[in-house]
Amino acid sequence: MIKNKNILIVGAGGFIGGHLVKKLLSNGNKIIASDIKPKEYWFQDYEEAKNYYSMDMKDINNCRKVTKGIDYVFNMACNMGGMGFIENNKAECMQSVLINTNLLISCKEEKIKKYFFSSSACAYNKTKQQDVFIEGLREEDAYPANPEDGYGWEKLFSERMCRHFMEDYGIEVRIARYHNVYGPYGTYDGGREKAPAALCRKVNYAKTKNENKIQVWGDGKQTRSFLYIEDCIDGTLRLFESDYSEPVNIGSDEQVSINQMIEIIENISGIKKLEREYQLDKPKGVRGRSSNNDLVKKILNWSYKISLKDGLKSTYNWISSEMQKTGKNLNRFNKSD
């Protein structure tokens, strides 16, 4: 694992970024942590980080400030959330291309040798995701290009930008296409949460309020695979330390329907089966999506270790604990997102 390096993590106040900071600090690295959010709104807090910056990396002058004296850069920053946010904020999502572009320019200027970009399964061609329980998406399935509008196009374009900075300027790039990462210390309400966190919140709310109904976006038959955060960080660092520079899936191939995931969470909570109120007018995304892990197994000898059931148990317990802390305002969790 990486040790004794000066590492810039952009998006350090976010979900995956926060866990990455924790892991790299534990290995004795010096971390420069940056996020657009004010420090009090970062998901995790680490006193051991060398410097904290709350600034907008869409401004190249900010990128130039934080890349001085850096060995490695991890770009985990983007304006994103669950499907509700992505489908309703396409222009906001697209602007994240400025973060990646400005960071790469700054890395070139500072002669930084290694750069990580966090891409997404949203970069894959939508025509290959029109059925439930599809075959896992292979890395080559991103082309011909037809990704999720807005967010997916930003990711695909930024992947190409990384490739060309490597070809033209010699910056070593590593690109992970993440598949639905979830776990503790992430967003679970407010509109940017993803399905596992949203459903854990809703089931916990129903249990606490002794209700028998849960609202579900779509018909519940849409399928996905979900990757627990610890596996995500392990795969990320293995990829970064490898010599492979093309995009790689970092995901699970344990594909389930939304209805099946609700059943798992119900069993974890100990609640009886809830009535489903399907909201067919809500954003649903593609019909089916899962990761094909053949390439990542071949080049990294990596596979996820934590099952969806075990990962959801940890996630549910953490969200339940957080909701208990704000019990006086519990009604704010009774939302349809």
C-alpha atoms as a PDB file:
ATOM      1  CA  MET A   1       0.000   0.000   0.000  1.00  0.00           C
ATOM      2  CA  ILE A   2       0.981   3.626  -0.542  1.00  0.00           C
ATOM      3  CA  LYS A   3       3.134   4.975   2.310  1.00  0.00           C
ATOM      4  CA  ASN A   4       4.951   8.190   3.217  1.00  0.00           C
ATOM      5  CA  LYS A   5       3.645  10.255   0.304  1.00  0.00           C
ATOM      6  CA  ASN A   6       2.183  13.744   0.019  1.00  0.00           C
ATOM      7  CA  ILE A   7      -1.278  13.046  -1.360  1.00  0.00           C
ATOM      8  CA  LEU A   8      -3.954  15.478  -2.471  1.00  0.00           C
ATOM      9  CA  ILE A   9      -7.514  14.169  -2.176  1.00  0.00           C
ATOM     10  CA  VAL A  10     -10.087  16.375  -3.871  1.00  0.00           C
ATOM     11  CA  GLY A  11     -13.609  15.604  -2.711  1.00  0.00           C
ATOM     12  CA  ALA A  12     -12.237  14.607   0.696  1.00  0.00           C
ATOM     13  CA  GLY A  13     -15.399  15.820   2.407  1.00  0.00           C
ATOM     14  CA  GLY A  14     -17.560  13.388   0.454  1.00  0.00           C
ATOM     15  CA  PHE A  15     -18.502   9.769   1.035  1.00  0.00           C
ATOM     16  CA  ILE A  16     -15.819   7.789  -0.823  1.00  0.00           C
ATOM     17  CA  GLY A  17     -13.270  10.571  -0.386  1.00  0.00           C
ATOM     18  CA  GLY A  18     -13.683  10.560   3.382  1.00  0.00           C
ATOM     19  CA  HIS A  19     -13.070   6.825   3.630  1.00  0.00           C
ATOM     20  CA  LEU A  20     -10.050   7.156   1.337  1.00  0.00           C
ATOM     21  CA  VAL A  21      -8.562   9.852   3.577  1.00  0.00           C
ATOM     22  CA  LYS A  22      -8.975   7.549   6.586  1.00  0.00           C
ATOM     23  CA  LYS A  23      -7.223   4.642   4.854  1.00  0.00           C
ATOM     24  CA  LEU A  24      -4.305   6.632   3.479  1.00  0.00           C
ATOM     25  CA  LEU A  25      -3.725   8.393   6.799  1.00  0.00           C
ATOM     26  CA  SER A  26      -3.529   5.014   8.523  1.00  0.00           C
ATOM     27  CA  ASN A  27      -0.622   4.128   6.226  1.00  0.00           C
ATOM     28  CA  GLY A  28       1.434   7.135   7.317  1.00  0.00           C
ATOM     29  CA  ASN A  29       0.806   9.431   4.354  1.00  0.00           C
ATOM     30  CA  LYS A  30       0.509  13.211   4.556  1.00  0.00           C
ATOM     31  CA  ILE A  31      -2.912  14.195   3.264  1.00  0.00           C
ATOM     32  CA  ILE A  32      -3.943  17.514   1.789  1.00  0.00           C
ATOM     33  CA  ALA A  33      -7.748  17.394   1.860  1.00  0.00           C
ATOM     34  CA  SER A  34      -9.983  19.587  -0.279  1.00  0.00           C
ATOM     35  CA  ASP A  35     -13.735  19.859  -0.785  1.00  0.00           C
ATOM     36  CA  ILE A  36     -16.141  22.549  -1.952  1.00  0.00           C
ATOM     37  CA  LYS A  37     -18.229  22.161   1.225  1.00  0.00           C
ATOM     38  CA  PRO A  38     -17.371  24.138   4.372  1.00  0.00           C
ATOM     39  CA  LYS A  39     -15.404  21.957   6.789  1.00  0.00           C
ATOM     40  CA  GLU A  40     -18.313  21.537   9.227  1.00  0.00           C
ATOM     41  CA  TYR A  41     -20.306  19.750   6.488  1.00  0.00           C
ATOM     42  CA  TRP A  42     -17.662  17.166   5.581  1.00  0.00           C
ATOM     43  CA  PHE A  43     -18.855  13.592   6.137  1.00  0.00           C
ATOM     44  CA  GLN A  44     -15.798  12.689   8.219  1.00  0.00           C
ATOM     45  CA  ASP A  45     -13.266  14.706  10.202  1.00  0.00           C
ATOM     46  CA  TYR A  46      -9.572  13.839  10.491  1.00  0.00           C
ATOM     47  CA  GLU A  47      -7.257  15.840  12.699  1.00  0.00           C
ATOM     48  CA  GLU A  48      -4.257  14.018  11.209  1.00  0.00           C
ATOM     49  CA  ALA A  49      -4.659  15.558   7.754  1.00  0.00           C
ATOM     50  CA  LYS A  50      -1.914  18.031   7.014  1.00  0.00           C
ATOM     51  CA  ASN A  51      -4.096  20.755   5.506  1.00  0.00           C
ATOM     52  CA  TYR A  52      -7.793  21.275   4.872  1.00  0.00           C
ATOM     53  CA  TYR A  53      -9.125  23.459   2.098  1.00  0.00           C
ATOM     54  CA  SER A  54     -12.742  24.392   1.475  1.00  0.00           C
ATOM     55  CA  MET A  55     -12.630  25.685  -2.081  1.00  0.00           C
ATOM     56  CA  ASP A  56     -14.108  25.220  -5.533  1.00  0.00           C
ATOM     57  CA  MET A  57     -11.831  23.254  -7.836  1.00  0.00           C
ATOM     58  CA  LYS A  58     -13.666  24.499 -10.905  1.00  0.00           C
ATOM     59  CA  ASP A  59     -11.345  27.502 -10.439  1.00  0.00           C
ATOM     60  CA  ILE A  60      -7.908  26.582 -11.802  1.00  0.00           C
ATOM     61  CA  ASN A  61      -6.168  28.962  -9.387  1.00  0.00           C
ATOM     62  CA  ASN A  62      -7.423  26.833  -6.501  1.00  0.00           C
ATOM     63  CA  CYS A  63      -6.114  23.716  -8.207  1.00  0.00           C
ATOM     64  CA  ARG A  64      -2.710  25.323  -8.635  1.00  0.00           C
ATOM     65  CA  LYS A  65      -2.639  26.232  -4.957  1.00  0.00           C
ATOM     66  CA  VAL A  66      -3.185  22.714  -3.605  1.00  0.00           C
ATOM     67  CA  THR A  67      -1.062  20.713  -6.095  1.00  0.00           C
ATOM     68  CA  LYS A  68       2.279  22.234  -5.072  1.00  0.00           C
ATOM     69  CA  GLY A  69       4.624  19.701  -3.489  1.00  0.00           C
ATOM     70  CA  ILE A  70       2.250  16.802  -4.128  1.00  0.00           C
ATOM     71  CA  ASP A  71       3.254  13.263  -5.111  1.00  0.00           C
ATOM     72  CA  TYR A  72      -0.167  11.828  -6.034  1.00  0.00           C
ATOM     73  CA  VAL A  73      -3.621  13.250  -6.744  1.00  0.00           C
ATOM     74  CA  PHE A  74      -6.948  11.483  -6.189  1.00  0.00           C
ATOM     75  CA  ASN A  75      -9.850  13.251  -7.868  1.00  0.00           C
ATOM     76  CA  MET A  76     -12.966  12.044  -6.036  1.00  0.00           C
ATOM     77  CA  ALA A  77     -14.882  15.297  -6.559  1.00  0.00           C
ATOM     78  CA  CYS A  78     -18.048  15.787  -8.578  1.00  0.00           C
ATOM     79  CA  ASN A  79     -21.475  17.307  -8.168  1.00  0.00           C
ATOM     80  CA  MET A  80     -23.677  14.227  -7.940  1.00  0.00           C
ATOM     81  CA  GLY A  81     -26.194  12.248  -5.931  1.00  0.00           C
ATOM     82  CA  GLY A  82     -28.779   9.566  -6.456  1.00  0.00           C
ATOM     83  CA  MET A  83     -30.884   9.232  -9.588  1.00  0.00           C
ATOM     84  CA  GLY A  84     -33.269  11.974  -8.488  1.00  0.00           C
ATOM     85  CA  PHE A  85     -30.418  14.489  -8.372  1.00  0.00           C
ATOM     86  CA  ILE A  86     -28.691  13.295 -11.549  1.00  0.00           C
ATOM     87  CA  GLU A  87     -31.812  13.448 -13.716  1.00  0.00           C
ATOM     88  CA  ASN A  88     -32.821  16.904 -12.481  1.00  0.00           C
ATOM     89  CA  ASN A  89     -29.425  18.636 -12.401  1.00  0.00           C
ATOM     90  CA  LYS A  90     -27.711  17.739 -15.676  1.00  0.00           C
ATOM     91  CA  ALA A  91     -26.005  21.106 -16.164  1.00  0.00           C
ATOM     92  CA  GLU A  92     -24.656  21.055 -12.608  1.00  0.00           C
ATOM     93  CA  CYS A  93     -23.306  17.541 -13.121  1.00  0.00           C
ATOM     94  CA  MET A  94     -21.642  18.469 -16.427  1.00  0.00           C
ATOM     95  CA  GLN A  95     -19.697  21.325 -14.836  1.00  0.00           C
ATOM     96  CA  SER A  96     -17.614  18.823 -12.872  1.00  0.00           C
ATOM     97  CA  VAL A  97     -15.596  18.381 -16.071  1.00  0.00           C
ATOM     98  CA  LEU A  98     -13.868  21.626 -15.066  1.00  0.00           C
ATOM     99  CA  ILE A  99     -12.561  20.035 -11.867  1.00  0.00           C
ATOM    100  CA  ASN A 100     -10.883  17.184 -13.715  1.00  0.00           C
ATOM    101  CA  THR A 101      -9.543  19.404 -16.491  1.00  0.00           C
ATOM    102  CA  ASN A 102      -8.090  22.019 -14.134  1.00  0.00           C
ATOM    103  CA  LEU A 103      -6.528  19.393 -11.878  1.00  0.00           C
ATOM    104  CA  LEU A 104      -4.866  17.697 -14.839  1.00  0.00           C
ATOM    105  CA  ILE A 105      -3.499  21.020 -16.090  1.00  0.00           C
ATOM    106  CA  SER A 106      -2.126  21.753 -12.615  1.00  0.00           C
ATOM    107  CA  CYS A 107      -0.593  18.276 -12.405  1.00  0.00           C
ATOM    108  CA  LYS A 108       1.148  18.861 -15.727  1.00  0.00           C
ATOM    109  CA  GLU A 109       2.504  22.205 -14.521  1.00  0.00           C
ATOM    110  CA  GLU A 110       3.725  20.733 -11.223  1.00  0.00           C
ATOM    111  CA  LYS A 111       5.081  17.565 -12.900  1.00  0.00           C
ATOM    112  CA  ILE A 112       2.947  15.299 -10.720  1.00  0.00           C
ATOM    113  CA  LYS A 113       3.438  11.742 -11.936  1.00  0.00           C
ATOM    114  CA  LYS A 114       0.294   9.891 -10.885  1.00  0.00           C
ATOM    115  CA  TYR A 115      -3.392  10.813 -10.992  1.00  0.00           C
ATOM    116  CA  PHE A 116      -6.586   8.942 -10.087  1.00  0.00           C
ATOM    117  CA  PHE A 117     -10.004   9.721 -11.556  1.00  0.00           C
ATOM    118  CA  SER A 118     -13.235   8.394 -10.046  1.00  0.00           C
ATOM    119  CA  SER A 119     -15.545   7.542 -12.926  1.00  0.00           C
ATOM    120  CA  SER A 120     -18.901   5.793 -12.818  1.00  0.00           C
ATOM    121  CA  ALA A 121     -20.978   2.998 -14.301  1.00  0.00           C
ATOM    122  CA  CYS A 122     -23.190   5.825 -15.577  1.00  0.00           C
ATOM    123  CA  ALA A 123     -20.622   6.100 -18.392  1.00  0.00           C
ATOM    124  CA  TYR A 124     -21.944   2.888 -19.974  1.00  0.00           C
ATOM    125  CA  ASN A 125     -24.121   2.770 -23.071  1.00  0.00           C
ATOM    126  CA  LYS A 126     -27.772   2.970 -21.986  1.00  0.00           C
ATOM    127  CA  THR A 127     -28.962   0.678 -24.777  1.00  0.00           C
ATOM    128  CA  LYS A 128     -27.198  -2.218 -23.032  1.00  0.00           C
ATOM    129  CA  GLN A 129     -29.172  -1.603 -19.829  1.00  0.00           C
ATOM    130  CA  GLN A 130     -32.802  -1.808 -20.936  1.00  0.00           C
ATOM    131  CA  ASP A 131     -33.707  -5.114 -19.252  1.00  0.00           C
ATOM    132  CA  VAL A 132     -33.628  -6.342 -15.664  1.00  0.00           C
ATOM    133  CA  PHE A 133     -30.921  -8.789 -14.547  1.00  0.00           C
ATOM    134  CA  ILE A 134     -28.669  -7.993 -17.491  1.00  0.00           C
ATOM    135  CA  GLU A 135     -25.249  -9.540 -18.011  1.00  0.00           C
ATOM    136  CA  GLY A 136     -22.536  -7.583 -16.265  1.00  0.00           C
ATOM    137  CA  LEU A 137     -21.228  -4.571 -18.163  1.00  0.00           C
ATOM    138  CA  ARG A 138     -17.734  -5.001 -19.570  1.00  0.00           C
ATOM    139  CA  GLU A 139     -15.350  -2.083 -19.867  1.00  0.00           C
ATOM    140  CA  GLU A 140     -15.667  -2.050 -23.667  1.00  0.00           C
ATOM    141  CA  ASP A 141     -19.448  -1.595 -23.353  1.00  0.00           C
ATOM    142  CA  ALA A 142     -18.957   2.149 -22.857  1.00  0.00           C
ATOM    143  CA  TYR A 143     -18.613   2.491 -26.643  1.00  0.00           C
ATOM    144  CA  PRO A 144     -20.286   3.402 -28.918  1.00  0.00           C
ATOM    145  CA  ALA A 145     -20.993   6.204 -26.481  1.00  0.00           C
ATOM    146  CA  ASN A 146     -24.514   6.704 -25.150  1.00  0.00           C
ATOM    147  CA  PRO A 147     -24.121   7.249 -21.387  1.00  0.00           C
ATOM    148  CA  GLU A 148     -26.496   8.703 -18.778  1.00  0.00           C
ATOM    149  CA  ASP A 149     -27.280  12.240 -19.905  1.00  0.00           C
ATOM    150  CA  GLY A 150     -25.382  14.909 -17.997  1.00  0.00           C
ATOM    151  CA  TYR A 151     -23.491  13.022 -15.299  1.00  0.00           C
ATOM    152  CA  GLY A 152     -22.558  10.045 -17.498  1.00  0.00           C
ATOM    153  CA  TRP A 153     -21.313  12.242 -20.346  1.00  0.00           C
ATOM    154  CA  GLU A 154     -19.147  14.214 -17.908  1.00  0.00           C
ATOM    155  CA  LYS A 155     -17.556  11.002 -16.672  1.00  0.00           C
ATOM    156  CA  LEU A 156     -16.916   9.623 -20.139  1.00  0.00           C
ATOM    157  CA  PHE A 157     -15.428  12.886 -21.389  1.00  0.00           C
ATOM    158  CA  SER A 158     -13.218  13.179 -18.317  1.00  0.00           C
ATOM    159  CA  GLU A 159     -11.954   9.633 -18.845  1.00  0.00           C
ATOM    160  CA  ARG A 160     -10.794  10.677 -22.319  1.00  0.00           C
ATOM    161  CA  MET A 161      -9.181  13.802 -20.919  1.00  0.00           C
ATOM    162  CA  CYS A 162      -7.173  11.619 -18.525  1.00  0.00           C
ATOM    163  CA  ARG A 163      -6.075   9.366 -21.388  1.00  0.00           C
ATOM    164  CA  HIS A 164      -4.847  12.260 -23.505  1.00  0.00           C
ATOM    165  CA  PHE A 165      -2.947  13.908 -20.644  1.00  0.00           C
ATOM    166  CA  MET A 166      -1.186  10.575 -20.165  1.00  0.00           C
ATOM    167  CA  GLU A 167      -0.411  10.285 -23.895  1.00  0.00           C
ATOM    168  CA  ASP A 168       0.691  13.890 -24.372  1.00  0.00           C
ATOM    169  CA  TYR A 169       2.318  14.747 -21.020  1.00  0.00           C
ATOM    170  CA  GLY A 170       3.273  11.439 -19.410  1.00  0.00           C
ATOM    171  CA  ILE A 171       0.998  11.654 -16.353  1.00  0.00           C
ATOM    172  CA  GLU A 172       0.202   8.142 -15.148  1.00  0.00           C
ATOM    173  CA  VAL A 173      -3.567   7.879 -14.833  1.00  0.00           C
ATOM    174  CA  ARG A 174      -5.772   5.321 -13.118  1.00  0.00           C
ATOM    175  CA  ILE A 175      -9.532   5.278 -13.751  1.00  0.00           C
ATOM    176  CA  ALA A 176     -12.133   3.373 -11.740  1.00  0.00           C
ATOM    177  CA  ARG A 177     -15.705   2.981 -12.903  1.00  0.00           C
ATOM    178  CA  TYR A 178     -17.574   2.676  -9.619  1.00  0.00           C
ATOM    179  CA  HIS A 179     -20.803   0.694  -9.407  1.00  0.00           C
ATOM    180  CA  ASN A 180     -23.225   2.018  -6.772  1.00  0.00           C
ATOM    181  CA  VAL A 181     -20.971   2.370  -3.740  1.00  0.00           C
ATOM    182  CA  TYR A 182     -22.752   2.438  -0.364  1.00  0.00           C
ATOM    183  CA  GLY A 183     -22.050   2.166   3.363  1.00  0.00           C
ATOM    184  CA  PRO A 184     -21.798   4.172   6.603  1.00  0.00           C
ATOM    185  CA  TYR A 185     -20.834   7.850   6.693  1.00  0.00           C
ATOM    186  CA  GLY A 186     -22.699   8.713   3.519  1.00  0.00           C
ATOM    187  CA  THR A 187     -25.746  10.739   2.524  1.00  0.00           C
ATOM    188  CA  TYR A 188     -28.999   9.110   3.585  1.00  0.00           C
ATOM    189  CA  ASP A 189     -31.473  11.969   3.232  1.00  0.00           C
ATOM    190  CA  GLY A 190     -31.839  15.378   1.621  1.00  0.00           C
ATOM    191  CA  GLY A 191     -32.225  14.332  -2.024  1.00  0.00           C
ATOM    192  CA  ARG A 192     -28.703  13.191  -2.960  1.00  0.00           C
ATOM    193  CA  GLU A 193     -28.805   9.746  -1.336  1.00  0.00           C
ATOM    194  CA  LYS A 194     -28.680   6.545  -3.358  1.00  0.00           C
ATOM    195  CA  ALA A 195     -31.071   3.611  -3.137  1.00  0.00           C
ATOM    196  CA  PRO A 196     -29.446   1.567  -0.321  1.00  0.00           C
ATOM    197  CA  ALA A 197     -29.265   4.535   2.053  1.00  0.00           C
ATOM    198  CA  ALA A 198     -32.706   5.866   1.085  1.00  0.00           C
ATOM    199  CA  LEU A 199     -34.343   2.481   1.643  1.00  0.00           C
ATOM    200  CA  CYS A 200     -32.538   1.911   4.950  1.00  0.00           C
ATOM    201  CA  ARG A 201     -33.838   5.297   6.091  1.00  0.00           C
ATOM    202  CA  LYS A 202     -37.394   4.574   4.979  1.00  0.00           C
ATOM    203  CA  VAL A 203     -37.537   1.133   6.607  1.00  0.00           C
ATOM    204  CA  ASN A 204     -36.084   2.493   9.837  1.00  0.00           C
ATOM    205  CA  TYR A 205     -38.591   5.335   9.828  1.00  0.00           C
ATOM    206  CA  ALA A 206     -41.480   2.888   9.298  1.00  0.00           C
ATOM    207  CA  LYS A 207     -40.217   0.745  12.163  1.00  0.00           C
ATOM    208  CA  THR A 208     -39.799   3.699  14.509  1.00  0.00           C
ATOM    209  CA  LYS A 209     -43.203   5.192  13.699  1.00  0.00           C
ATOM    210  CA  ASN A 210     -44.937   1.793  13.573  1.00  0.00           C
ATOM    211  CA  GLU A 211     -46.060   2.336   9.983  1.00  0.00           C
ATOM    212  CA  ASN A 212     -46.768  -0.436   7.468  1.00  0.00           C
ATOM    213  CA  LYS A 213     -46.005   1.249   4.138  1.00  0.00           C
ATOM    214  CA  ILE A 214     -42.897   2.256   2.204  1.00  0.00           C
ATOM    215  CA  GLN A 215     -42.648   4.431  -0.906  1.00  0.00           C
ATOM    216  CA  VAL A 216     -40.550   2.996  -3.749  1.00  0.00           C
ATOM    217  CA  TRP A 217     -39.365   4.801  -6.864  1.00  0.00           C
ATOM    218  CA  GLY A 218     -40.410   2.858  -9.966  1.00  0.00           C
ATOM    219  CA  ASP A 219     -41.956  -0.605  -9.893  1.00  0.00           C
ATOM    220  CA  GLY A 220     -39.244  -2.131  -7.709  1.00  0.00           C
ATOM    221  CA  LYS A 221     -38.211  -4.553 -10.442  1.00  0.00           C
ATOM    222  CA  GLN A 222     -35.261  -2.497 -11.683  1.00  0.00           C
ATOM    223  CA  THR A 223     -31.932  -4.214 -10.895  1.00  0.00           C
ATOM    224  CA  ARG A 224     -28.501  -3.060  -9.770  1.00  0.00           C
ATOM    225  CA  SER A 225     -25.340  -4.343  -8.126  1.00  0.00           C
ATOM    226  CA  PHE A 226     -24.009  -2.505  -5.071  1.00  0.00           C
ATOM    227  CA  LEU A 227     -20.458  -2.306  -3.708  1.00  0.00           C
ATOM    228  CA  TYR A 228     -19.676  -1.831  -0.009  1.00  0.00           C
ATOM    229  CA  ILE A 229     -17.349   1.059   0.786  1.00  0.00           C
ATOM    230  CA  GLU A 230     -14.529  -1.030   2.300  1.00  0.00           C
ATOM    231  CA  ASP A 231     -14.326  -3.122  -0.854  1.00  0.00           C
ATOM    232  CA  CYS A 232     -14.378   0.084  -2.905  1.00  0.00           C
ATOM    233  CA  ILE A 233     -11.373   1.530  -1.093  1.00  0.00           C
ATOM    234  CA  ASP A 234      -9.448  -1.756  -1.355  1.00  0.00           C
ATOM    235  CA  GLY A 235     -10.107  -1.996  -5.089  1.00  0.00           C
ATOM    236  CA  THR A 236      -9.236   1.663  -5.608  1.00  0.00           C
ATOM    237  CA  LEU A 237      -5.827   1.402  -3.966  1.00  0.00           C
ATOM    238  CA  ARG A 238      -5.014  -1.861  -5.728  1.00  0.00           C
ATOM    239  CA  LEU A 239      -5.812  -0.212  -9.045  1.00  0.00           C
ATOM    240  CA  PHE A 240      -3.788   2.874  -8.199  1.00  0.00           C
ATOM    241  CA  GLU A 241      -0.713   0.770  -7.381  1.00  0.00           C
ATOM    242  CA  SER A 242      -1.078  -1.292 -10.576  1.00  0.00           C
ATOM    243  CA  ASP A 243       0.389  -0.480 -13.984  1.00  0.00           C
ATOM    244  CA  TYR A 244      -3.019  -0.539 -15.734  1.00  0.00           C
ATOM    245  CA  SER A 245      -4.130   2.793 -17.181  1.00  0.00           C
ATOM    246  CA  GLU A 246      -7.446   2.023 -18.902  1.00  0.00           C
ATOM    247  CA  PRO A 247     -10.855   2.324 -17.126  1.00  0.00           C
ATOM    248  CA  VAL A 248     -11.650  -0.607 -14.823  1.00  0.00           C
ATOM    249  CA  ASN A 249     -14.877  -1.678 -13.131  1.00  0.00           C
ATOM    250  CA  ILE A 250     -14.749  -1.486  -9.353  1.00  0.00           C
ATOM    251  CA  GLY A 251     -18.036  -3.087  -8.424  1.00  0.00           C
ATOM    252  CA  SER A 252     -19.974  -6.146  -7.355  1.00  0.00           C
ATOM    253  CA  ASP A 253     -21.686  -8.633  -9.664  1.00  0.00           C
ATOM    254  CA  GLU A 254     -24.288  -9.528  -6.987  1.00  0.00           C
ATOM    255  CA  GLN A 255     -27.264  -8.142  -8.922  1.00  0.00           C
ATOM    256  CA  VAL A 256     -30.594  -7.692  -7.123  1.00  0.00           C
ATOM    257  CA  SER A 257     -33.889  -5.956  -7.769  1.00  0.00           C
ATOM    258  CA  ILE A 258     -34.954  -3.024  -5.617  1.00  0.00           C
ATOM    259  CA  ASN A 259     -37.744  -5.206  -4.221  1.00  0.00           C
ATOM    260  CA  GLN A 260     -35.198  -7.852  -3.208  1.00  0.00           C
ATOM    261  CA  MET A 261     -33.044  -5.240  -1.500  1.00  0.00           C
ATOM    262  CA  ILE A 262     -36.054  -3.973   0.461  1.00  0.00           C
ATOM    263  CA  GLU A 263     -36.680  -7.529   1.674  1.00  0.00           C
ATOM    264  CA  ILE A 264     -33.078  -7.792   2.878  1.00  0.00           C
ATOM    265  CA  ILE A 265     -33.402  -4.512   4.791  1.00  0.00           C
ATOM    266  CA  GLU A 266     -36.729  -5.566   6.288  1.00  0.00           C
ATOM    267  CA  ASN A 267     -35.119  -8.749   7.607  1.00  0.00           C
ATOM    268  CA  ILE A 268     -32.202  -6.772   9.041  1.00  0.00           C
ATOM    269  CA  SER A 269     -34.578  -4.401  10.831  1.00  0.00           C
ATOM    270  CA  GLY A 270     -36.794  -7.161  12.144  1.00  0.00           C
ATOM    271  CA  ILE A 271     -39.880  -5.437  10.794  1.00  0.00           C
ATOM    272  CA  LYS A 272     -42.712  -7.301   9.114  1.00  0.00           C
ATOM    273  CA  LYS A 273     -43.068  -6.978   5.350  1.00  0.00           C
ATOM    274  CA  LEU A 274     -44.118  -3.461   4.424  1.00  0.00           C
ATOM    275  CA  GLU A 275     -46.701  -2.538   1.834  1.00  0.00           C
ATOM    276  CA  ARG A 276     -45.002  -1.084  -1.265  1.00  0.00           C
ATOM    277  CA  GLU A 277     -46.326   2.157  -2.705  1.00  0.00           C
ATOM    278  CA  TYR A 278     -44.738   2.294  -6.145  1.00  0.00           C
ATOM    279  CA  GLN A 279     -44.132   5.775  -7.528  1.00  0.00           C
ATOM    280  CA  LEU A 280     -43.925   5.305 -11.273  1.00  0.00           C
ATOM    281  CA  ASP A 281     -43.466   9.012 -11.983  1.00  0.00           C
ATOM    282  CA  LYS A 282     -40.173   9.236 -10.089  1.00  0.00           C
ATOM    283  CA  PRO A 283     -36.710   9.053 -11.752  1.00  0.00           C
ATOM    284  CA  LYS A 284     -35.760   5.420 -12.262  1.00  0.00           C
ATOM    285  CA  GLY A 285     -32.593   5.409 -14.364  1.00  0.00           C
ATOM    286  CA  VAL A 286     -31.723   2.423 -16.531  1.00  0.00           C
ATOM    287  CA  ARG A 287     -33.685  -0.807 -16.159  1.00  0.00           C
ATOM    288  CA  GLY A 288     -30.767  -3.003 -15.177  1.00  0.00           C
ATOM    289  CA  ARG A 289     -27.070  -2.527 -14.360  1.00  0.00           C
ATOM    290  CA  SER A 290     -24.345  -4.764 -12.985  1.00  0.00           C
ATOM    291  CA  SER A 291     -20.572  -5.026 -13.085  1.00  0.00           C
ATOM    292  CA  ASN A 292     -18.618  -7.607 -15.038  1.00  0.00           C
ATOM    293  CA  ASN A 293     -15.485  -8.218 -12.953  1.00  0.00           C
ATOM    294  CA  ASP A 294     -13.472 -10.381 -15.351  1.00  0.00           C
ATOM    295  CA  LEU A 295     -10.943  -7.643 -16.101  1.00  0.00           C
ATOM    296  CA  VAL A 296     -10.401  -6.495 -12.520  1.00  0.00           C
ATOM    297  CA  LYS A 297      -9.909 -10.101 -11.407  1.00  0.00           C
ATOM    298  CA  LYS A 298      -7.351 -10.610 -14.168  1.00  0.00           C
ATOM    299  CA  ILE A 299      -5.247  -7.487 -13.713  1.00  0.00           C
ATOM    300  CA  LEU A 300      -5.578  -6.951  -9.947  1.00  0.00           C
ATOM    301  CA  ASN A 301      -6.589 -10.362  -8.602  1.00  0.00           C
ATOM    302  CA  TRP A 302      -9.333  -8.429  -6.825  1.00  0.00           C
ATOM    303  CA  SER A 303     -12.923  -9.225  -6.008  1.00  0.00           C
ATOM    304  CA  TYR A 304     -15.373  -7.781  -3.502  1.00  0.00           C
ATOM    305  CA  LYS A 305     -15.524  -9.602  -0.160  1.00  0.00           C
ATOM    306  CA  ILE A 306     -18.566  -8.155   1.603  1.00  0.00           C
ATOM    307  CA  SER A 307     -21.955  -9.487   0.586  1.00  0.00           C
ATOM    308  CA  LEU A 308     -24.886  -7.156   0.047  1.00  0.00           C
ATOM    309  CA  LYS A 309     -26.614  -8.573   3.131  1.00  0.00           C
ATOM    310  CA  ASP A 310     -23.633  -7.890   5.390  1.00  0.00           C
ATOM    311  CA  GLY A 311     -22.985  -4.472   3.889  1.00  0.00           C
ATOM    312  CA  LEU A 312     -26.610  -3.432   4.259  1.00  0.00           C
ATOM    313  CA  LYS A 313     -26.589  -4.562   7.883  1.00  0.00           C
ATOM    314  CA  SER A 314     -23.699  -2.212   8.695  1.00  0.00           C
ATOM    315  CA  THR A 315     -25.306   0.576   6.686  1.00  0.00           C
ATOM    316  CA  TYR A 316     -28.733   0.131   8.273  1.00  0.00           C
ATOM    317  CA  ASN A 317     -27.305   0.101  11.794  1.00  0.00           C
ATOM    318  CA  TRP A 318     -25.331   3.281  11.162  1.00  0.00           C
ATOM    319  CA  ILE A 319     -28.311   5.116   9.639  1.00  0.00           C
ATOM    320  CA  SER A 320     -30.549   3.929  12.461  1.00  0.00           C
ATOM    321  CA  SER A 321     -28.071   5.316  14.979  1.00  0.00           C
ATOM    322  CA  GLU A 322     -27.872   8.646  13.155  1.00  0.00           C
ATOM    323  CA  MET A 323     -31.656   8.922  13.000  1.00  0.00           C
ATOM    324  CA  GLN A 324     -31.914   8.248  16.732  1.00  0.00           C
ATOM    325  CA  LYS A 325     -29.599  11.188  17.368  1.00  0.00           C
ATOM    326  CA  THR A 326     -32.096  13.461  15.599  1.00  0.00           C
ATOM    327  CA  GLY A 327     -35.204  11.745  16.965  1.00  0.00           C
ATOM    328  CA  LYS A 328     -36.899  15.026  17.835  1.00  0.00           C
ATOM    329  CA  ASN A 329     -36.980  15.841  14.125  1.00  0.00           C
ATOM    330  CA  LEU A 330     -37.801  12.330  12.925  1.00  0.00           C
ATOM    331  CA  ASN A 331     -40.621  13.512  10.660  1.00  0.00           C
ATOM    332  CA  ARG A 332     -38.083  15.110   8.325  1.00  0.00           C
ATOM    333  CA  PHE A 333     -37.114  11.591   7.232  1.00  0.00           C
ATOM    334  CA  ASN A 334     -40.651  10.805   6.003  1.00  0.00           C
ATOM    335  CA  LYS A 335     -40.040  11.777   2.408  1.00  0.00           C
ATOM    336  CA  SER A 336     -40.667  10.164  -0.947  1.00  0.00           C
ATOM    337  CA  ASP A 337     -37.068  10.412  -2.194  1.00  0.00           C
END
